[in-house]
Protein backbone atom coordinates (compact mmCIF):
# COMPACT_ATOMS: atom_id res chain seq x y z
CA MET A 1 -3.60 -19.98 -12.72
CA LEU A 2 -3.88 -16.80 -10.80
CA GLU A 3 -3.51 -14.64 -13.96
CA SER A 4 -6.82 -15.87 -15.25
CA LYS A 5 -8.78 -14.73 -12.14
CA SER A 6 -10.28 -11.39 -11.81
CA THR A 7 -9.12 -8.90 -9.17
CA GLY A 8 -12.38 -9.66 -7.23
CA ASP A 9 -11.80 -13.29 -7.31
CA LEU A 10 -8.33 -12.92 -6.09
CA VAL A 11 -9.53 -10.71 -3.00
CA GLN A 12 -12.27 -13.25 -2.40
CA SER A 13 -9.72 -16.15 -2.48
CA LEU A 14 -7.42 -14.22 -0.20
CA SER A 15 -10.09 -14.14 2.44
CA GLN A 16 -10.88 -17.87 2.22
CA VAL A 17 -7.29 -19.24 2.23
CA ASP A 18 -5.23 -20.09 5.40
CA ASN A 19 -2.09 -21.29 3.58
CA MET A 20 0.63 -18.58 3.80
CA TYR A 21 2.36 -19.52 0.65
CA TYR A 22 -0.97 -19.28 -1.32
CA GLN A 23 -1.66 -15.94 0.54
CA ALA A 24 1.72 -14.61 -0.74
CA GLU A 25 1.00 -15.70 -4.28
CA ILE A 26 -2.40 -13.94 -4.23
CA LEU A 27 -0.96 -10.82 -2.79
CA GLN A 28 1.88 -10.76 -5.26
CA ALA A 29 -0.66 -11.08 -8.14
CA LEU A 30 -2.66 -8.18 -6.49
CA LEU A 31 0.58 -6.18 -6.20
CA ASN A 32 1.50 -6.62 -9.77
CA ARG A 33 -1.98 -5.98 -10.99
CA GLU A 34 -3.20 -3.15 -8.67
CA GLY A 35 -0.14 -1.84 -6.72
CA LEU A 36 0.82 -1.42 -3.24
CA TYR A 37 -1.95 0.80 -2.06
CA PHE A 38 -4.78 -1.39 -3.43
CA GLN A 39 -7.30 -1.90 -0.60
CA VAL A 40 -8.04 -5.46 0.56
CA GLY A 41 -10.40 -5.73 3.49
CA GLY A 42 -9.53 -2.38 4.97
CA GLU A 43 -5.74 -2.76 4.51
CA THR A 44 -3.31 -2.06 1.65
CA VAL A 45 -1.66 -4.82 -0.26
CA GLU A 46 1.59 -3.45 1.34
CA GLU A 47 0.14 -3.76 4.84
CA ARG A 48 -1.08 -7.32 4.13
CA LEU A 49 2.38 -8.23 2.78
CA GLU A 50 4.04 -6.77 5.79
CA LYS A 51 1.90 -8.62 8.15
CA LEU A 52 2.44 -11.84 6.39
CA ALA A 53 6.10 -11.39 6.33
CA GLN A 54 6.11 -10.75 10.02
CA LYS A 55 4.10 -13.95 10.61
CA CYS A 56 6.29 -15.90 8.32
CA GLY A 57 9.36 -14.71 10.21
CA SER A 58 8.01 -15.51 13.59
CA LEU A 59 6.89 -18.90 12.39
CA GLN A 60 10.17 -19.40 10.55
CA VAL A 61 8.24 -20.18 7.42
CA TRP A 62 11.02 -18.97 5.10
CA TYR A 63 9.84 -20.87 1.94
CA VAL A 64 6.95 -18.49 1.65
CA THR A 65 9.40 -15.53 1.29
CA ARG A 66 11.48 -17.08 -1.47
CA PRO A 67 11.07 -17.74 -5.12
CA PRO A 68 8.88 -18.54 -7.03
CA VAL A 69 6.89 -16.10 -5.07
CA HIS A 70 9.06 -13.03 -5.79
CA CYS A 71 7.76 -10.90 -2.85
CA ALA A 72 10.91 -8.63 -2.67
CA ILE A 73 8.75 -6.48 -0.22
CA PHE A 74 9.32 -9.31 2.33
CA LEU A 75 12.94 -9.09 2.60
CA PRO A 76 13.54 -5.82 4.35
CA LYS A 77 10.56 -6.22 6.73
CA ILE A 78 11.25 -9.52 8.25
CA HIS A 79 12.38 -9.37 11.94
CA CYS A 80 13.22 -12.56 13.75
CA THR A 81 14.00 -11.52 17.39
CA ARG A 82 14.41 -15.00 18.53
CA PHE A 83 17.73 -15.29 16.68
CA SER A 84 18.20 -11.38 16.81
CA VAL A 85 18.07 -11.01 13.17
CA THR A 86 16.61 -7.77 12.09
CA SER A 87 16.78 -5.52 9.02
CA PRO A 88 18.01 -1.87 9.12
């Protein structure tokens, strides 16, 4: 479904959706299509992914960071201080 949308449509969709899983899917599509440094609302895709990873970690919404959304960038970025789990 996301493959058929234009980059502009993906960016617009990202600004309209609250669902973290769908945000991750959109960011993954933008990452694949445009790269880490593509600007989305004044931030790069990388920065948006990092913020989403932090939010998912703090809310313990782990399903967002797992397949089928293959956001490998999430894994080294997640910190969960509540359980003292941090990445190097």
